[in-house]
Amino acid sequence: MRNIKFYSYTLGCSLILSACGSVETATEIKKNSGYFVSSFNERIDYTCLNERRTMTDNGKFECDSFPISFYMDEVKIGEISSIHSDGYVYPQDIILLEDTVPIYTSEGKIKFLEIE
């Protein structure tokens, strides 16, 4: 009788301990997805973590992390480090001017506004 109690106790403890190690928690990786809105989407690619990808026909892109860089052929046209809450990315969101201050020049008596 004593042996049966001992084996039952040992079996019960081993089941409890084996159950403690097998608990798995599901971790959800949130993908940063959005839509690039432009009339020339079929020629734009994007990179995520140095992996080049092609957008879907409707301009959808997905990345696990930022920044997301956009390319037309082999030329980088810009990048984003966040996506608006509506999920849409426009060309003016990715293209940055180096100098936003306009430069005024004059030729003769006429003044011109040039943005470089």
PDB file of N, CA and C in Angstrom:
ATOM      1  N   MET A   1       0.819  -1.195   0.000  1.00  0.00           N
ATOM      2  CA  MET A   1       0.000   0.000   0.000  1.00  0.00           C
ATOM      3  C   MET A   1       0.861   1.257   0.000  1.00  0.00           C
ATOM      4  N   ARG A   2       1.929   1.168   0.754  1.00  0.00           N
ATOM      5  CA  ARG A   2       2.824   2.316   0.844  1.00  0.00           C
ATOM      6  C   ARG A   2       3.473   2.613  -0.510  1.00  0.00           C
ATOM      7  N   ASN A   3       3.829   1.572  -1.266  1.00  0.00           N
ATOM      8  CA  ASN A   3       4.440   1.741  -2.583  1.00  0.00           C
ATOM      9  C   ASN A   3       3.466   2.379  -3.580  1.00  0.00           C
ATOM     10  N   ILE A   4       2.195   2.025  -3.495  1.00  0.00           N
ATOM     11  CA  ILE A   4       1.194   2.598  -4.404  1.00  0.00           C
ATOM     12  C   ILE A   4       1.055   4.087  -4.143  1.00  0.00           C
ATOM     13  N   LYS A   5       1.026   4.503  -2.867  1.00  0.00           N
ATOM     14  CA  LYS A   5       0.931   5.930  -2.541  1.00  0.00           C
ATOM     15  C   LYS A   5       2.169   6.679  -3.034  1.00  0.00           C
ATOM     16  N   PHE A   6       3.328   6.070  -2.866  1.00  0.00           N
ATOM     17  CA  PHE A   6       4.574   6.708  -3.294  1.00  0.00           C
ATOM     18  C   PHE A   6       4.594   6.887  -4.817  1.00  0.00           C
ATOM     19  N   TYR A   7       4.200   5.842  -5.554  1.00  0.00           N
ATOM     20  CA  TYR A   7       4.179   5.930  -7.023  1.00  0.00           C
ATOM     21  C   TYR A   7       3.119   6.935  -7.492  1.00  0.00           C
ATOM     22  N   SER A   8       1.984   6.964  -6.839  1.00  0.00           N
ATOM     23  CA  SER A   8       0.939   7.927  -7.189  1.00  0.00           C
ATOM     24  C   SER A   8       1.415   9.353  -6.933  1.00  0.00           C
ATOM     25  N   TYR A   9       2.063   9.541  -5.799  1.00  0.00           N
ATOM     26  CA  TYR A   9       2.593  10.866  -5.456  1.00  0.00           C
ATOM     27  C   TYR A   9       3.657  11.284  -6.469  1.00  0.00           C
ATOM     28  N   THR A  10       4.556  10.392  -6.822  1.00  0.00           N
ATOM     29  CA  THR A  10       5.628  10.682  -7.780  1.00  0.00           C
ATOM     30  C   THR A  10       5.047  10.991  -9.158  1.00  0.00           C
ATOM     31  N   LEU A  11       4.065  10.210  -9.580  1.00  0.00           N
ATOM     32  CA  LEU A  11       3.426  10.432 -10.868  1.00  0.00           C
ATOM     33  C   LEU A  11       2.705  11.779 -10.886  1.00  0.00           C
ATOM     34  N   GLY A  12       2.012  12.102  -9.835  1.00  0.00           N
ATOM     35  CA  GLY A  12       1.305  13.388  -9.752  1.00  0.00           C
ATOM     36  C   GLY A  12       2.267  14.566  -9.798  1.00  0.00           C
ATOM     37  N   CYS A  13       3.372  14.481  -9.065  1.00  0.00           N
ATOM     38  CA  CYS A  13       4.371  15.569  -9.080  1.00  0.00           C
ATOM     39  C   CYS A  13       5.010  15.722 -10.457  1.00  0.00           C
ATOM     40  N   SER A  14       5.291  14.594 -11.108  1.00  0.00           N
ATOM     41  CA  SER A  14       5.924  14.687 -12.430  1.00  0.00           C
ATOM     42  C   SER A  14       4.968  15.290 -13.461  1.00  0.00           C
ATOM     43  N   LEU A  15       3.677  14.975 -13.344  1.00  0.00           N
ATOM     44  CA  LEU A  15       2.701  15.580 -14.260  1.00  0.00           C
ATOM     45  C   LEU A  15       2.593  17.085 -14.037  1.00  0.00           C
ATOM     46  N   ILE A  16       2.591  17.499 -12.800  1.00  0.00           N
ATOM     47  CA  ILE A  16       2.509  18.930 -12.485  1.00  0.00           C
ATOM     48  C   ILE A  16       3.745  19.661 -12.992  1.00  0.00           C
ATOM     49  N   LEU A  17       4.914  19.099 -12.736  1.00  0.00           N
ATOM     50  CA  LEU A  17       6.148  19.750 -13.174  1.00  0.00           C
ATOM     51  C   LEU A  17       6.292  19.756 -14.689  1.00  0.00           C
ATOM     52  N   SER A  18       5.836  18.719 -15.362  1.00  0.00           N
ATOM     53  CA  SER A  18       5.942  18.698 -16.822  1.00  0.00           C
ATOM     54  C   SER A  18       4.982  19.698 -17.453  1.00  0.00           C
ATOM     55  N   ALA A  19       3.862  19.939 -16.821  1.00  0.00           N
ATOM     56  CA  ALA A  19       2.902  20.911 -17.341  1.00  0.00           C
ATOM     57  C   ALA A  19       3.419  22.328 -17.193  1.00  0.00           C
ATOM     58  N   CYS A  20       4.221  22.600 -16.184  1.00  0.00           N
ATOM     59  CA  CYS A  20       4.739  23.954 -15.970  1.00  0.00           C
ATOM     60  C   CYS A  20       5.699  24.377 -17.075  1.00  0.00           C
ATOM     61  N   GLY A  21       6.442  23.429 -17.610  1.00  0.00           N
ATOM     62  CA  GLY A  21       7.416  23.785 -18.630  1.00  0.00           C
ATOM     63  C   GLY A  21       6.839  23.878 -20.020  1.00  0.00           C
ATOM     64  N   SER A  22       5.620  23.438 -20.235  1.00  0.00           N
ATOM     65  CA  SER A  22       5.067  23.402 -21.584  1.00  0.00           C
ATOM     66  C   SER A  22       4.123  24.555 -21.883  1.00  0.00           C
ATOM     67  N   VAL A  23       4.050  25.534 -21.022  1.00  0.00           N
ATOM     68  CA  VAL A  23       3.170  26.668 -21.262  1.00  0.00           C
ATOM     69  C   VAL A  23       3.821  27.587 -22.285  1.00  0.00           C
ATOM     70  N   GLU A  24       3.102  27.856 -23.368  1.00  0.00           N
ATOM     71  CA  GLU A  24       3.615  28.755 -24.396  1.00  0.00           C
ATOM     72  C   GLU A  24       2.696  29.963 -24.494  1.00  0.00           C
ATOM     73  N   THR A  25       3.301  31.103 -24.630  1.00  0.00           N
ATOM     74  CA  THR A  25       2.518  32.317 -24.813  1.00  0.00           C
ATOM     75  C   THR A  25       2.629  32.743 -26.260  1.00  0.00           C
ATOM     76  N   ALA A  26       1.526  33.109 -26.822  1.00  0.00           N
ATOM     77  CA  ALA A  26       1.517  33.545 -28.219  1.00  0.00           C
ATOM     78  C   ALA A  26       1.949  35.005 -28.288  1.00  0.00           C
ATOM     79  N   THR A  27       2.939  35.273 -29.098  1.00  0.00           N
ATOM     80  CA  THR A  27       3.372  36.647 -29.305  1.00  0.00           C
ATOM     81  C   THR A  27       2.982  37.057 -30.711  1.00  0.00           C
ATOM     82  N   GLU A  28       2.321  38.153 -30.799  1.00  0.00           N
ATOM     83  CA  GLU A  28       1.856  38.639 -32.087  1.00  0.00           C
ATOM     84  C   GLU A  28       2.815  39.712 -32.578  1.00  0.00           C
ATOM     85  N   ILE A  29       3.353  39.519 -33.768  1.00  0.00           N
ATOM     86  CA  ILE A  29       4.237  40.507 -34.375  1.00  0.00           C
ATOM     87  C   ILE A  29       3.378  41.433 -35.210  1.00  0.00           C
ATOM     88  N   LYS A  30       3.375  42.682 -34.836  1.00  0.00           N
ATOM     89  CA  LYS A  30       2.570  43.653 -35.546  1.00  0.00           C
ATOM     90  C   LYS A  30       3.318  44.110 -36.791  1.00  0.00           C
ATOM     91  N   LYS A  31       2.693  43.932 -37.920  1.00  0.00           N
ATOM     92  CA  LYS A  31       3.290  44.383 -39.175  1.00  0.00           C
ATOM     93  C   LYS A  31       2.854  45.808 -39.439  1.00  0.00           C
ATOM     94  N   ASN A  32       3.791  46.603 -39.893  1.00  0.00           N
ATOM     95  CA  ASN A  32       3.494  47.966 -40.295  1.00  0.00           C
ATOM     96  C   ASN A  32       3.083  47.905 -41.759  1.00  0.00           C
ATOM     97  N   SER A  33       1.817  48.106 -42.018  1.00  0.00           N
ATOM     98  CA  SER A  33       1.342  48.034 -43.394  1.00  0.00           C
ATOM     99  C   SER A  33       0.634  49.322 -43.762  1.00  0.00           C
ATOM    100  N   GLY A  34       0.657  49.611 -45.039  1.00  0.00           N
ATOM    101  CA  GLY A  34       0.015  50.805 -45.542  1.00  0.00           C
ATOM    102  C   GLY A  34      -0.120  50.726 -47.044  1.00  0.00           C
ATOM    103  N   TYR A  35      -0.593  51.811 -47.619  1.00  0.00           N
ATOM    104  CA  TYR A  35      -0.800  51.894 -49.062  1.00  0.00           C
ATOM    105  C   TYR A  35      -0.084  53.123 -49.591  1.00  0.00           C
ATOM    106  N   PHE A  36       0.751  52.917 -50.589  1.00  0.00           N
ATOM    107  CA  PHE A  36       1.424  54.030 -51.248  1.00  0.00           C
ATOM    108  C   PHE A  36       0.502  54.521 -52.350  1.00  0.00           C
ATOM    109  N   VAL A  37       0.075  55.782 -52.255  1.00  0.00           N
ATOM    110  CA  VAL A  37      -0.903  56.339 -53.177  1.00  0.00           C
ATOM    111  C   VAL A  37      -0.184  57.154 -54.239  1.00  0.00           C
ATOM    112  N   SER A  38      -0.190  56.637 -55.456  1.00  0.00           N
ATOM    113  CA  SER A  38       0.469  57.318 -56.562  1.00  0.00           C
ATOM    114  C   SER A  38      -0.002  56.705 -57.869  1.00  0.00           C
ATOM    115  N   SER A  39       0.178  57.428 -58.940  1.00  0.00           N
ATOM    116  CA  SER A  39      -0.224  56.911 -60.244  1.00  0.00           C
ATOM    117  C   SER A  39       0.847  56.028 -60.865  1.00  0.00           C
ATOM    118  N   PHE A  40       2.017  55.948 -60.246  1.00  0.00           N
ATOM    119  CA  PHE A  40       3.108  55.152 -60.821  1.00  0.00           C
ATOM    120  C   PHE A  40       3.541  54.039 -59.871  1.00  0.00           C
ATOM    121  N   ASN A  41       2.595  53.377 -59.195  1.00  0.00           N
ATOM    122  CA  ASN A  41       2.899  52.322 -58.227  1.00  0.00           C
ATOM    123  C   ASN A  41       3.594  51.118 -58.845  1.00  0.00           C
ATOM    124  N   GLU A  42       3.329  50.825 -60.097  1.00  0.00           N
ATOM    125  CA  GLU A  42       3.888  49.609 -60.670  1.00  0.00           C
ATOM    126  C   GLU A  42       5.399  49.661 -60.814  1.00  0.00           C
ATOM    127  N   ARG A  43       6.010  50.821 -60.650  1.00  0.00           N
ATOM    128  CA  ARG A  43       7.454  50.933 -60.769  1.00  0.00           C
ATOM    129  C   ARG A  43       8.136  51.185 -59.436  1.00  0.00           C
ATOM    130  N   ILE A  44       7.444  51.071 -58.323  1.00  0.00           N
ATOM    131  CA  ILE A  44       8.026  51.385 -57.014  1.00  0.00           C
ATOM    132  C   ILE A  44       8.198  50.112 -56.198  1.00  0.00           C
ATOM    133  N   ASP A  45       9.392  49.951 -55.644  1.00  0.00           N
ATOM    134  CA  ASP A  45       9.700  48.874 -54.711  1.00  0.00           C
ATOM    135  C   ASP A  45       9.962  49.495 -53.344  1.00  0.00           C
ATOM    136  N   TYR A  46      10.053  48.666 -52.325  1.00  0.00           N
ATOM    137  CA  TYR A  46      10.372  49.155 -50.986  1.00  0.00           C
ATOM    138  C   TYR A  46      11.295  48.160 -50.305  1.00  0.00           C
ATOM    139  N   THR A  47      12.018  48.642 -49.297  1.00  0.00           N
ATOM    140  CA  THR A  47      12.919  47.762 -48.546  1.00  0.00           C
ATOM    141  C   THR A  47      12.550  47.774 -47.073  1.00  0.00           C
ATOM    142  N   CYS A  48      12.649  46.596 -46.483  1.00  0.00           N
ATOM    143  CA  CYS A  48      12.484  46.390 -45.049  1.00  0.00           C
ATOM    144  C   CYS A  48      13.684  45.590 -44.588  1.00  0.00           C
ATOM    145  N   LEU A  49      14.435  46.134 -43.644  1.00  0.00           N
ATOM    146  CA  LEU A  49      15.603  45.440 -43.111  1.00  0.00           C
ATOM    147  C   LEU A  49      16.507  44.922 -44.232  1.00  0.00           C
ATOM    148  N   ASN A  50      16.770  45.774 -45.203  1.00  0.00           N
ATOM    149  CA  ASN A  50      17.630  45.482 -46.354  1.00  0.00           C
ATOM    150  C   ASN A  50      17.092  44.376 -47.256  1.00  0.00           C
ATOM    151  N   GLU A  51      15.815  44.086 -47.183  1.00  0.00           N
ATOM    152  CA  GLU A  51      15.185  43.115 -48.074  1.00  0.00           C
ATOM    153  C   GLU A  51      14.272  43.861 -49.035  1.00  0.00           C
ATOM    154  N   ARG A  52      14.561  43.753 -50.311  1.00  0.00           N
ATOM    155  CA  ARG A  52      13.793  44.473 -51.326  1.00  0.00           C
ATOM    156  C   ARG A  52      12.516  43.716 -51.647  1.00  0.00           C
ATOM    157  N   ARG A  53      11.409  44.430 -51.669  1.00  0.00           N
ATOM    158  CA  ARG A  53      10.101  43.832 -51.945  1.00  0.00           C
ATOM    159  C   ARG A  53       9.352  44.674 -52.965  1.00  0.00           C
ATOM    160  N   THR A  54       8.338  44.079 -53.569  1.00  0.00           N
ATOM    161  CA  THR A  54       7.508  44.776 -54.542  1.00  0.00           C
ATOM    162  C   THR A  54       6.122  44.973 -53.942  1.00  0.00           C
ATOM    163  N   MET A  55       5.560  46.168 -54.154  1.00  0.00           N
ATOM    164  CA  MET A  55       4.213  46.438 -53.661  1.00  0.00           C
ATOM    165  C   MET A  55       3.192  45.640 -54.461  1.00  0.00           C
ATOM    166  N   THR A  56       2.034  45.417 -53.852  1.00  0.00           N
ATOM    167  CA  THR A  56       0.949  44.763 -54.579  1.00  0.00           C
ATOM    168  C   THR A  56       0.390  45.740 -55.610  1.00  0.00           C
ATOM    169  N   ASP A  57      -0.512  45.267 -56.437  1.00  0.00           N
ATOM    170  CA  ASP A  57      -1.079  46.110 -57.493  1.00  0.00           C
ATOM    171  C   ASP A  57      -1.794  47.340 -56.954  1.00  0.00           C
ATOM    172  N   ASN A  58      -2.359  47.240 -55.764  1.00  0.00           N
ATOM    173  CA  ASN A  58      -3.066  48.393 -55.197  1.00  0.00           C
ATOM    174  C   ASN A  58      -2.169  49.261 -54.313  1.00  0.00           C
ATOM    175  N   GLY A  59      -0.848  49.009 -54.331  1.00  0.00           N
ATOM    176  CA  GLY A  59       0.095  49.845 -53.597  1.00  0.00           C
ATOM    177  C   GLY A  59       0.324  49.447 -52.156  1.00  0.00           C
ATOM    178  N   LYS A  60      -0.102  48.264 -51.769  1.00  0.00           N
ATOM    179  CA  LYS A  60       0.052  47.839 -50.375  1.00  0.00           C
ATOM    180  C   LYS A  60       1.484  47.378 -50.112  1.00  0.00           C
ATOM    181  N   PHE A  61       1.997  47.756 -48.930  1.00  0.00           N
ATOM    182  CA  PHE A  61       3.313  47.315 -48.473  1.00  0.00           C
ATOM    183  C   PHE A  61       3.205  46.897 -47.016  1.00  0.00           C
ATOM    184  N   GLU A  62       4.088  45.981 -46.599  1.00  0.00           N
ATOM    185  CA  GLU A  62       4.122  45.495 -45.218  1.00  0.00           C
ATOM    186  C   GLU A  62       5.563  45.321 -44.772  1.00  0.00           C
ATOM    187  N   CYS A  63       5.850  45.801 -43.568  1.00  0.00           N
ATOM    188  CA  CYS A  63       7.177  45.643 -42.981  1.00  0.00           C
ATOM    189  C   CYS A  63       7.027  45.380 -41.488  1.00  0.00           C
ATOM    190  N   ASP A  64       8.012  44.668 -40.942  1.00  0.00           N
ATOM    191  CA  ASP A  64       7.993  44.404 -39.506  1.00  0.00           C
ATOM    192  C   ASP A  64       8.554  45.570 -38.705  1.00  0.00           C
ATOM    193  N   SER A  65       9.415  46.387 -39.327  1.00  0.00           N
ATOM    194  CA  SER A  65      10.042  47.479 -38.586  1.00  0.00           C
ATOM    195  C   SER A  65      10.288  48.673 -39.505  1.00  0.00           C
ATOM    196  N   PHE A  66      10.611  49.772 -38.906  1.00  0.00           N
ATOM    197  CA  PHE A  66      10.937  51.004 -39.629  1.00  0.00           C
ATOM    198  C   PHE A  66      12.443  51.188 -39.659  1.00  0.00           C
ATOM    199  N   PRO A  67      13.003  51.975 -40.529  1.00  0.00           N
ATOM    200  CA  PRO A  67      12.399  52.759 -41.594  1.00  0.00           C
ATOM    201  C   PRO A  67      12.075  51.899 -42.802  1.00  0.00           C
ATOM    202  N   ILE A  68      11.128  52.381 -43.590  1.00  0.00           N
ATOM    203  CA  ILE A  68      10.748  51.746 -44.844  1.00  0.00           C
ATOM    204  C   ILE A  68      11.198  52.684 -45.958  1.00  0.00           C
ATOM    205  N   SER A  69      12.039  52.194 -46.851  1.00  0.00           N
ATOM    206  CA  SER A  69      12.573  53.011 -47.945  1.00  0.00           C
ATOM    207  C   SER A  69      11.876  52.636 -49.244  1.00  0.00           C
ATOM    208  N   PHE A  70      11.630  53.636 -50.074  1.00  0.00           N
ATOM    209  CA  PHE A  70      10.954  53.426 -51.351  1.00  0.00           C
ATOM    210  C   PHE A  70      11.916  53.720 -52.491  1.00  0.00           C
ATOM    211  N   TYR A  71      11.854  52.892 -53.531  1.00  0.00           N
ATOM    212  CA  TYR A  71      12.762  53.001 -54.673  1.00  0.00           C
ATOM    213  C   TYR A  71      11.979  52.986 -55.974  1.00  0.00           C
ATOM    214  N   MET A  72      12.439  53.795 -56.913  1.00  0.00           N
ATOM    215  CA  MET A  72      11.935  53.747 -58.273  1.00  0.00           C
ATOM    216  C   MET A  72      13.121  53.325 -59.130  1.00  0.00           C
ATOM    217  N   ASP A  73      13.038  52.151 -59.713  1.00  0.00           N
ATOM    218  CA  ASP A  73      14.170  51.493 -60.362  1.00  0.00           C
ATOM    219  C   ASP A  73      15.252  51.315 -59.303  1.00  0.00           C
ATOM    220  N   GLU A  74      16.407  51.909 -59.468  1.00  0.00           N
ATOM    221  CA  GLU A  74      17.476  51.770 -58.470  1.00  0.00           C
ATOM    222  C   GLU A  74      17.683  53.055 -57.661  1.00  0.00           C
ATOM    223  N   VAL A  75      16.829  54.048 -57.852  1.00  0.00           N
ATOM    224  CA  VAL A  75      16.971  55.342 -57.188  1.00  0.00           C
ATOM    225  C   VAL A  75      16.054  55.403 -55.966  1.00  0.00           C
ATOM    226  N   LYS A  76      16.655  55.700 -54.819  1.00  0.00           N
ATOM    227  CA  LYS A  76      15.862  55.854 -53.594  1.00  0.00           C
ATOM    228  C   LYS A  76      15.124  57.180 -53.673  1.00  0.00           C
ATOM    229  N   ILE A  77      13.796  57.112 -53.550  1.00  0.00           N
ATOM    230  CA  ILE A  77      13.006  58.342 -53.634  1.00  0.00           C
ATOM    231  C   ILE A  77      12.569  58.836 -52.264  1.00  0.00           C
ATOM    232  N   GLY A  78      12.803  58.061 -51.214  1.00  0.00           N
ATOM    233  CA  GLY A  78      12.482  58.527 -49.870  1.00  0.00           C
ATOM    234  C   GLY A  78      12.241  57.377 -48.922  1.00  0.00           C
ATOM    235  N   GLU A  79      11.968  57.749 -47.665  1.00  0.00           N
ATOM    236  CA  GLU A  79      11.674  56.747 -46.647  1.00  0.00           C
ATOM    237  C   GLU A  79      10.746  57.325 -45.604  1.00  0.00           C
ATOM    238  N   ILE A  80      10.130  56.427 -44.848  1.00  0.00           N
ATOM    239  CA  ILE A  80       9.236  56.833 -43.764  1.00  0.00           C
ATOM    240  C   ILE A  80       9.662  56.118 -42.489  1.00  0.00           C
ATOM    241  N   SER A  81       9.398  56.770 -41.363  1.00  0.00           N
ATOM    242  CA  SER A  81       9.680  56.147 -40.070  1.00  0.00           C
ATOM    243  C   SER A  81       8.392  55.970 -39.265  1.00  0.00           C
ATOM    244  N   SER A  82       7.268  56.309 -39.868  1.00  0.00           N
ATOM    245  CA  SER A  82       5.961  56.069 -39.260  1.00  0.00           C
ATOM    246  C   SER A  82       4.901  56.129 -40.363  1.00  0.00           C
ATOM    247  N   ILE A  83       3.755  55.583 -40.063  1.00  0.00           N
ATOM    248  CA  ILE A  83       2.644  55.593 -41.011  1.00  0.00           C
ATOM    249  C   ILE A  83       1.490  56.321 -40.358  1.00  0.00           C
ATOM    250  N   HIS A  84       0.825  57.200 -41.107  1.00  0.00           N
ATOM    251  CA  HIS A  84      -0.340  57.916 -40.587  1.00  0.00           C
ATOM    252  C   HIS A  84      -1.409  56.929 -40.163  1.00  0.00           C
ATOM    253  N   SER A  85      -2.300  57.353 -39.302  1.00  0.00           N
ATOM    254  CA  SER A  85      -3.333  56.471 -38.781  1.00  0.00           C
ATOM    255  C   SER A  85      -4.279  55.966 -39.876  1.00  0.00           C
ATOM    256  N   ASP A  86      -4.407  56.711 -40.982  1.00  0.00           N
ATOM    257  CA  ASP A  86      -5.270  56.246 -42.069  1.00  0.00           C
ATOM    258  C   ASP A  86      -4.600  55.189 -42.941  1.00  0.00           C
ATOM    259  N   GLY A  87      -3.274  54.997 -42.795  1.00  0.00           N
ATOM    260  CA  GLY A  87      -2.566  53.954 -43.527  1.00  0.00           C
ATOM    261  C   GLY A  87      -2.089  54.340 -44.901  1.00  0.00           C
ATOM    262  N   TYR A  88      -2.321  55.576 -45.326  1.00  0.00           N
ATOM    263  CA  TYR A  88      -1.932  56.001 -46.666  1.00  0.00           C
ATOM    264  C   TYR A  88      -0.625  56.792 -46.626  1.00  0.00           C
ATOM    265  N   VAL A  89       0.235  56.506 -47.595  1.00  0.00           N
ATOM    266  CA  VAL A  89       1.500  57.214 -47.739  1.00  0.00           C
ATOM    267  C   VAL A  89       1.493  57.859 -49.113  1.00  0.00           C
ATOM    268  N   TYR A  90       1.712  59.166 -49.161  1.00  0.00           N
ATOM    269  CA  TYR A  90       1.726  59.930 -50.403  1.00  0.00           C
ATOM    270  C   TYR A  90       3.161  60.309 -50.749  1.00  0.00           C
ATOM    271  N   PRO A  91       3.430  60.624 -52.029  1.00  0.00           N
ATOM    272  CA  PRO A  91       4.795  61.017 -52.406  1.00  0.00           C
ATOM    273  C   PRO A  91       5.339  62.171 -51.567  1.00  0.00           C
ATOM    274  N   GLN A  92       4.509  63.122 -51.205  1.00  0.00           N
ATOM    275  CA  GLN A  92       4.998  64.251 -50.402  1.00  0.00           C
ATOM    276  C   GLN A  92       5.373  63.827 -48.987  1.00  0.00           C
ATOM    277  N   ASP A  93       4.934  62.644 -48.550  1.00  0.00           N
ATOM    278  CA  ASP A  93       5.323  62.128 -47.232  1.00  0.00           C
ATOM    279  C   ASP A  93       6.739  61.571 -47.225  1.00  0.00           C
ATOM    280  N   ILE A  94       7.215  61.114 -48.371  1.00  0.00           N
ATOM    281  CA  ILE A  94       8.523  60.456 -48.400  1.00  0.00           C
ATOM    282  C   ILE A  94       9.626  61.311 -48.996  1.00  0.00           C
ATOM    283  N   ILE A  95       9.269  62.282 -49.821  1.00  0.00           N
ATOM    284  CA  ILE A  95      10.284  63.092 -50.476  1.00  0.00           C
ATOM    285  C   ILE A  95      10.571  64.313 -49.619  1.00  0.00           C
ATOM    286  N   LEU A  96      11.822  64.452 -49.203  1.00  0.00           N
ATOM    287  CA  LEU A  96      12.226  65.573 -48.357  1.00  0.00           C
ATOM    288  C   LEU A  96      13.151  66.496 -49.140  1.00  0.00           C
ATOM    289  N   LEU A  97      12.895  67.774 -49.012  1.00  0.00           N
ATOM    290  CA  LEU A  97      13.801  68.755 -49.600  1.00  0.00           C
ATOM    291  C   LEU A  97      14.935  68.999 -48.623  1.00  0.00           C
ATOM    292  N   GLU A  98      16.144  69.123 -49.134  1.00  0.00           N
ATOM    293  CA  GLU A  98      17.287  69.356 -48.252  1.00  0.00           C
ATOM    294  C   GLU A  98      17.222  70.736 -47.619  1.00  0.00           C
ATOM    295  N   ASP A  99      16.882  71.731 -48.394  1.00  0.00           N
ATOM    296  CA  ASP A  99      16.812  73.097 -47.896  1.00  0.00           C
ATOM    297  C   ASP A  99      15.422  73.623 -48.197  1.00  0.00           C
ATOM    298  N   THR A 100      14.624  73.846 -47.171  1.00  0.00           N
ATOM    299  CA  THR A 100      13.254  74.279 -47.392  1.00  0.00           C
ATOM    300  C   THR A 100      13.121  75.790 -47.502  1.00  0.00           C
ATOM    301  N   VAL A 101      14.210  76.523 -47.299  1.00  0.00           N
ATOM    302  CA  VAL A 101      14.167  77.974 -47.384  1.00  0.00           C
ATOM    303  C   VAL A 101      14.333  78.381 -48.851  1.00  0.00           C
ATOM    304  N   PRO A 102      13.397  79.131 -49.396  1.00  0.00           N
ATOM    305  CA  PRO A 102      13.541  79.540 -50.800  1.00  0.00           C
ATOM    306  C   PRO A 102      14.709  80.510 -50.983  1.00  0.00           C
ATOM    307  N   ILE A 103      15.318  80.431 -52.122  1.00  0.00           N
ATOM    308  CA  ILE A 103      16.450  81.301 -52.460  1.00  0.00           C
ATOM    309  C   ILE A 103      15.967  82.306 -53.492  1.00  0.00           C
ATOM    310  N   TYR A 104      16.161  83.580 -53.189  1.00  0.00           N
ATOM    311  CA  TYR A 104      15.751  84.629 -54.110  1.00  0.00           C
ATOM    312  C   TYR A 104      16.966  85.088 -54.904  1.00  0.00           C
ATOM    313  N   THR A 105      16.802  85.145 -56.193  1.00  0.00           N
ATOM    314  CA  THR A 105      17.870  85.661 -57.052  1.00  0.00           C
ATOM    315  C   THR A 105      17.293  86.772 -57.896  1.00  0.00           C
ATOM    316  N   SER A 106      18.152  87.573 -58.402  1.00  0.00           N
ATOM    317  CA  SER A 106      17.666  88.642 -59.277  1.00  0.00           C
ATOM    318  C   SER A 106      18.566  88.739 -60.500  1.00  0.00           C
ATOM    319  N   GLU A 107      17.936  88.888 -61.618  1.00  0.00           N
ATOM    320  CA  GLU A 107      18.644  89.115 -62.868  1.00  0.00           C
ATOM    321  C   GLU A 107      18.126  90.439 -63.394  1.00  0.00           C
ATOM    322  N   GLY A 108      18.976  91.407 -63.385  1.00  0.00           N
ATOM    323  CA  GLY A 108      18.533  92.745 -63.770  1.00  0.00           C
ATOM    324  C   GLY A 108      17.625  93.283 -62.693  1.00  0.00           C
ATOM    325  N   LYS A 109      16.430  93.684 -63.056  1.00  0.00           N
ATOM    326  CA  LYS A 109      15.487  94.232 -62.095  1.00  0.00           C
ATOM    327  C   LYS A 109      14.362  93.256 -61.753  1.00  0.00           C
ATOM    328  N   ILE A 110      14.430  92.026 -62.281  1.00  0.00           N
ATOM    329  CA  ILE A 110      13.393  91.043 -62.024  1.00  0.00           C
ATOM    330  C   ILE A 110      13.885  90.046 -60.971  1.00  0.00           C
ATOM    331  N   LYS A 111      13.056  89.804 -59.962  1.00  0.00           N
ATOM    332  CA  LYS A 111      13.412  88.847 -58.921  1.00  0.00           C
ATOM    333  C   LYS A 111      12.723  87.506 -59.211  1.00  0.00           C
ATOM    334  N   PHE A 112      13.483  86.439 -59.030  1.00  0.00           N
ATOM    335  CA  PHE A 112      12.975  85.086 -59.263  1.00  0.00           C
ATOM    336  C   PHE A 112      13.025  84.309 -57.958  1.00  0.00           C
ATOM    337  N   LEU A 113      12.084  83.422 -57.793  1.00  0.00           N
ATOM    338  CA  LEU A 113      12.082  82.527 -56.644  1.00  0.00           C
ATOM    339  C   LEU A 113      12.530  81.152 -57.132  1.00  0.00           C
ATOM    340  N   GLU A 114      13.635  80.678 -56.563  1.00  0.00           N
ATOM    341  CA  GLU A 114      14.157  79.373 -56.940  1.00  0.00           C
ATOM    342  C   GLU A 114      14.185  78.480 -55.707  1.00  0.00           C
ATOM    343  N   ILE A 115      13.759  77.282 -55.873  1.00  0.00           N
ATOM    344  CA  ILE A 115      13.870  76.293 -54.800  1.00  0.00           C
ATOM    345  C   ILE A 115      14.830  75.230 -55.285  1.00  0.00           C
ATOM    346  N   GLU A 116      15.914  75.072 -54.548  1.00  0.00           N
ATOM    347  CA  GLU A 116      16.947  74.110 -54.949  1.00  0.00           C
ATOM    348  C   GLU A 116      16.795  72.831 -54.196  1.00  0.00           C
TER     349      GLU A 116
END
